[in-house]
C-alpha cells in the first residue's frame, strides 16, 4: 500500500453492550438496516434489501393497480385486409 492509497479509518466505540463503528460521511447508508458478513479478516456491510411485502400488502397493491385499469374496449377494430401470399421456404 502506498501513501496515496491508505484506507479511510473510522472510530470504534461501545454503545451499551454492543460494539459500534462511526462511519465517515462518505460511507453512510441510506437505509435503517444493513447485512453484515465476515470475509477473512474483513467485515463487509451492505444495505439490506427491503423485506418482501406480506401477501395481504401485495394483494392491496395489486387491487390498487387494477382499480386504475380501464378495462377492454367494447369493440376492437381489426385489420380486415386479405391475407398476403407468403413466399415458400421450400
N, C-alpha and C. Protein backbone atom coordinates (compact mmCIF):
# COMPACT_ATOMS: atom_id res chain seq x y z
N UNK A 1 0.84 -1.18 0.00
CA UNK A 1 0.00 0.00 0.00
C UNK A 1 0.88 1.24 0.00
N UNK A 2 0.57 2.18 -0.85
CA UNK A 2 1.35 3.41 -0.90
C UNK A 2 0.64 4.48 -0.10
N UNK A 3 1.35 5.58 0.13
CA UNK A 3 0.80 6.66 0.95
C UNK A 3 -0.47 7.25 0.35
N UNK A 4 -0.60 7.26 -0.99
CA UNK A 4 -1.80 7.85 -1.60
C UNK A 4 -2.97 6.87 -1.67
N UNK A 5 -2.79 5.62 -1.25
CA UNK A 5 -3.89 4.66 -1.26
C UNK A 5 -4.21 4.12 0.13
N UNK A 6 -3.86 4.87 1.16
CA UNK A 6 -4.18 4.43 2.51
C UNK A 6 -5.69 4.38 2.69
N UNK A 7 -6.19 3.37 3.39
CA UNK A 7 -7.64 3.29 3.58
C UNK A 7 -8.13 4.35 4.56
N UNK A 8 -9.40 4.71 4.44
CA UNK A 8 -10.00 5.62 5.41
C UNK A 8 -10.14 4.88 6.73
N UNK A 9 -10.28 5.61 7.81
CA UNK A 9 -10.45 4.98 9.12
C UNK A 9 -11.76 5.45 9.74
N UNK A 10 -12.23 4.67 10.71
CA UNK A 10 -13.45 5.01 11.43
C UNK A 10 -13.23 4.69 12.89
N UNK A 11 -13.94 5.36 13.77
CA UNK A 11 -13.82 5.14 15.21
C UNK A 11 -14.70 3.97 15.64
N UNK A 12 -14.15 3.14 16.50
CA UNK A 12 -14.88 2.02 17.10
C UNK A 12 -15.16 2.41 18.55
N UNK A 13 -16.40 2.19 19.01
CA UNK A 13 -16.76 2.56 20.37
C UNK A 13 -17.83 1.61 20.88
N UNK A 14 -18.10 1.66 22.16
CA UNK A 14 -19.13 0.84 22.77
C UNK A 14 -20.43 1.64 22.84
N UNK A 15 -21.52 0.98 22.48
CA UNK A 15 -22.85 1.57 22.59
C UNK A 15 -23.67 0.58 23.42
N UNK A 16 -23.79 0.87 24.70
CA UNK A 16 -24.40 -0.10 25.60
C UNK A 16 -23.46 -1.30 25.71
N UNK A 17 -23.97 -2.49 25.41
CA UNK A 17 -23.13 -3.70 25.44
C UNK A 17 -22.70 -4.12 24.05
N UNK A 18 -22.94 -3.26 23.05
CA UNK A 18 -22.58 -3.58 21.67
C UNK A 18 -21.41 -2.71 21.21
N UNK A 19 -20.60 -3.29 20.34
CA UNK A 19 -19.54 -2.50 19.72
C UNK A 19 -20.12 -1.84 18.49
N UNK A 20 -19.75 -0.59 18.25
CA UNK A 20 -20.28 0.17 17.12
C UNK A 20 -19.13 0.84 16.38
N UNK A 21 -19.40 1.20 15.13
CA UNK A 21 -18.42 1.90 14.31
C UNK A 21 -19.08 3.18 13.80
N UNK A 22 -18.40 4.29 13.96
CA UNK A 22 -18.90 5.57 13.44
C UNK A 22 -18.37 5.72 12.03
N UNK A 23 -19.27 5.58 11.04
CA UNK A 23 -18.85 5.64 9.64
C UNK A 23 -18.62 7.08 9.20
N UNK A 24 -17.55 7.33 8.44
CA UNK A 24 -17.38 8.66 7.86
C UNK A 24 -18.53 8.97 6.90
N UNK A 25 -18.78 10.24 6.67
CA UNK A 25 -19.91 10.68 5.85
C UNK A 25 -19.93 9.99 4.47
N UNK A 26 -18.78 9.80 3.88
CA UNK A 26 -18.70 9.20 2.54
C UNK A 26 -19.18 7.75 2.52
N UNK A 27 -19.28 7.12 3.69
CA UNK A 27 -19.66 5.71 3.76
C UNK A 27 -21.05 5.50 4.37
N UNK A 28 -21.80 6.55 4.59
CA UNK A 28 -23.11 6.41 5.21
C UNK A 28 -24.08 5.64 4.32
N UNK A 29 -25.00 4.96 4.96
CA UNK A 29 -26.04 4.20 4.26
C UNK A 29 -27.32 5.01 4.25
N UNK A 30 -28.12 4.82 3.20
CA UNK A 30 -29.42 5.46 3.10
C UNK A 30 -30.48 4.41 3.42
N UNK A 31 -30.31 3.73 4.55
CA UNK A 31 -31.22 2.67 4.96
C UNK A 31 -31.13 2.52 6.47
N UNK A 32 -32.11 1.87 7.06
CA UNK A 32 -32.11 1.66 8.51
C UNK A 32 -31.43 0.36 8.90
N UNK A 33 -31.16 -0.50 7.94
CA UNK A 33 -30.61 -1.82 8.26
C UNK A 33 -29.59 -2.23 7.22
N UNK A 34 -28.53 -2.92 7.68
CA UNK A 34 -27.51 -3.44 6.78
C UNK A 34 -27.31 -4.92 7.05
N UNK A 35 -26.79 -5.63 6.05
CA UNK A 35 -26.37 -7.01 6.28
C UNK A 35 -24.89 -6.94 6.62
N UNK A 36 -24.42 -7.92 7.38
CA UNK A 36 -23.02 -7.95 7.80
C UNK A 36 -22.46 -9.33 7.51
N UNK A 37 -21.23 -9.34 6.99
CA UNK A 37 -20.60 -10.60 6.61
C UNK A 37 -19.11 -10.50 6.93
N UNK A 38 -18.56 -11.55 7.50
CA UNK A 38 -17.12 -11.59 7.76
C UNK A 38 -16.47 -12.35 6.62
N UNK A 39 -15.51 -11.70 5.96
CA UNK A 39 -14.78 -12.30 4.84
C UNK A 39 -13.29 -12.23 5.20
N UNK A 40 -12.74 -13.35 5.62
CA UNK A 40 -11.35 -13.34 6.10
C UNK A 40 -11.27 -12.47 7.33
N UNK A 41 -10.39 -11.47 7.32
CA UNK A 41 -10.30 -10.56 8.46
C UNK A 41 -11.07 -9.26 8.21
N UNK A 42 -11.85 -9.22 7.12
CA UNK A 42 -12.63 -8.03 6.79
C UNK A 42 -14.09 -8.21 7.21
N UNK A 43 -14.74 -7.12 7.52
CA UNK A 43 -16.17 -7.11 7.82
C UNK A 43 -16.83 -6.30 6.71
N UNK A 44 -17.80 -6.92 6.02
CA UNK A 44 -18.45 -6.28 4.88
C UNK A 44 -19.88 -5.90 5.27
N UNK A 45 -20.22 -4.64 5.10
CA UNK A 45 -21.58 -4.15 5.35
C UNK A 45 -22.23 -3.83 4.02
N UNK A 46 -23.49 -4.24 3.85
CA UNK A 46 -24.25 -3.92 2.64
C UNK A 46 -25.65 -3.46 3.06
N UNK A 47 -26.19 -2.51 2.31
CA UNK A 47 -27.56 -2.08 2.57
C UNK A 47 -28.48 -3.29 2.44
N UNK A 48 -29.32 -3.50 3.44
CA UNK A 48 -30.24 -4.63 3.42
C UNK A 48 -31.34 -4.38 2.41
N UNK A 49 -31.70 -5.40 1.67
CA UNK A 49 -32.83 -5.28 0.75
C UNK A 49 -34.10 -5.23 1.57
N UNK A 50 -35.06 -4.44 1.12
CA UNK A 50 -36.31 -4.37 1.88
C UNK A 50 -36.97 -5.75 1.96
N UNK A 51 -37.56 -6.01 3.08
CA UNK A 51 -38.25 -7.29 3.26
C UNK A 51 -39.40 -7.40 2.27
N UNK A 52 -39.65 -8.61 1.84
CA UNK A 52 -40.76 -8.84 0.92
C UNK A 52 -42.07 -8.45 1.60
N UNK A 53 -42.93 -7.84 0.85
CA UNK A 53 -44.23 -7.42 1.40
C UNK A 53 -45.05 -8.66 1.75
N UNK A 54 -45.88 -8.53 2.74
CA UNK A 54 -46.75 -9.63 3.14
C UNK A 54 -47.75 -9.90 2.02
N UNK A 55 -48.32 -11.10 1.98
CA UNK A 55 -49.31 -11.39 0.94
C UNK A 55 -50.48 -10.40 0.95
N UNK A 56 -50.91 -9.97 2.12
CA UNK A 56 -52.02 -9.01 2.19
C UNK A 56 -51.61 -7.66 1.62
N UNK A 57 -50.37 -7.22 1.91
CA UNK A 57 -49.89 -5.95 1.36
C UNK A 57 -49.77 -6.04 -0.16
N UNK A 58 -49.27 -7.17 -0.67
CA UNK A 58 -49.15 -7.36 -2.12
C UNK A 58 -50.54 -7.37 -2.76
N UNK A 59 -51.51 -7.98 -2.09
CA UNK A 59 -52.88 -8.03 -2.60
C UNK A 59 -53.45 -6.62 -2.71
N UNK A 60 -53.22 -5.79 -1.69
CA UNK A 60 -53.71 -4.41 -1.71
C UNK A 60 -53.04 -3.61 -2.83
N UNK A 61 -51.73 -3.83 -3.04
CA UNK A 61 -51.03 -3.15 -4.13
C UNK A 61 -51.63 -3.54 -5.48
N UNK A 62 -51.88 -4.83 -5.65
CA UNK A 62 -52.45 -5.32 -6.91
C UNK A 62 -53.85 -4.75 -7.13
N UNK A 63 -54.67 -4.73 -6.11
CA UNK A 63 -56.02 -4.18 -6.24
C UNK A 63 -55.98 -2.69 -6.59
N UNK A 64 -55.03 -1.96 -6.02
CA UNK A 64 -54.89 -0.54 -6.35
C UNK A 64 -54.52 -0.35 -7.81
N UNK A 65 -53.67 -1.22 -8.33
CA UNK A 65 -53.30 -1.16 -9.75
C UNK A 65 -54.51 -1.50 -10.62
N UNK A 66 -55.24 -2.54 -10.25
CA UNK A 66 -56.41 -2.96 -11.03
C UNK A 66 -57.50 -1.90 -11.02
N UNK A 67 -57.62 -1.14 -9.94
CA UNK A 67 -58.62 -0.06 -9.87
C UNK A 67 -58.34 1.01 -10.91
N UNK A 68 -57.07 1.19 -11.28
CA UNK A 68 -56.71 2.20 -12.28
C UNK A 68 -56.88 1.68 -13.71
N UNK A 69 -57.04 0.37 -13.87
CA UNK A 69 -57.17 -0.23 -15.20
C UNK A 69 -58.56 0.05 -15.74
N UNK A 70 -58.63 0.56 -16.96
CA UNK A 70 -59.91 0.94 -17.54
C UNK A 70 -60.62 -0.21 -18.22
N UNK A 71 -60.00 -1.33 -18.36
CA UNK A 71 -60.63 -2.48 -18.99
C UNK A 71 -60.49 -2.46 -20.50
N UNK A 72 -61.09 -3.43 -21.13
CA UNK A 72 -61.02 -3.56 -22.58
C UNK A 72 -62.15 -2.75 -23.22
N UNK A 73 -61.91 -2.24 -24.43
CA UNK A 73 -62.98 -1.52 -25.13
C UNK A 73 -64.09 -2.50 -25.53
N UNK A 74 -65.28 -1.96 -25.77
CA UNK A 74 -66.42 -2.79 -26.16
C UNK A 74 -66.15 -3.51 -27.48
N UNK A 75 -65.53 -2.82 -28.41
CA UNK A 75 -65.21 -3.46 -29.68
C UNK A 75 -63.78 -3.12 -30.05
N UNK A 76 -63.17 -4.02 -30.78
CA UNK A 76 -61.79 -3.82 -31.19
C UNK A 76 -61.77 -3.76 -32.70
N UNK A 77 -61.19 -2.69 -33.23
CA UNK A 77 -61.08 -2.56 -34.67
C UNK A 77 -59.95 -3.46 -35.15
N UNK A 78 -60.27 -4.33 -36.08
CA UNK A 78 -59.28 -5.27 -36.58
C UNK A 78 -58.97 -5.01 -38.04
N UNK A 79 -57.78 -5.39 -38.43
CA UNK A 79 -57.37 -5.27 -39.83
C UNK A 79 -58.15 -6.31 -40.64
N UNK A 80 -58.96 -5.86 -41.58
CA UNK A 80 -59.80 -6.76 -42.37
C UNK A 80 -59.21 -7.02 -43.77
N UNK A 81 -58.00 -6.58 -44.02
CA UNK A 81 -57.42 -6.79 -45.35
C UNK A 81 -57.13 -8.28 -45.55
N UNK A 82 -57.18 -8.73 -46.85
CA UNK A 82 -56.96 -10.15 -47.12
C UNK A 82 -55.54 -10.57 -46.74
N UNK A 83 -55.39 -11.83 -46.42
CA UNK A 83 -54.08 -12.37 -46.06
C UNK A 83 -53.13 -12.27 -47.25
N UNK A 84 -51.88 -12.01 -46.98
CA UNK A 84 -50.88 -11.91 -48.04
C UNK A 84 -50.36 -13.29 -48.40
N UNK A 85 -49.96 -13.45 -49.63
CA UNK A 85 -49.29 -14.68 -50.03
C UNK A 85 -47.84 -14.59 -49.58
N UNK A 86 -47.45 -15.54 -48.78
CA UNK A 86 -46.10 -15.55 -48.27
C UNK A 86 -45.21 -16.43 -49.14
N UNK A 87 -43.95 -16.09 -49.33
CA UNK A 87 -43.06 -16.92 -50.15
C UNK A 87 -42.85 -18.28 -49.51
N UNK A 88 -42.69 -19.26 -50.32
CA UNK A 88 -42.45 -20.62 -49.83
C UNK A 88 -40.99 -20.75 -49.41
N UNK A 89 -40.74 -21.40 -48.36
CA UNK A 89 -39.37 -21.60 -47.86
C UNK A 89 -38.81 -22.94 -48.30
N UNK A 90 -39.55 -23.66 -49.15
CA UNK A 90 -39.07 -24.97 -49.63
C UNK A 90 -38.03 -24.83 -50.70
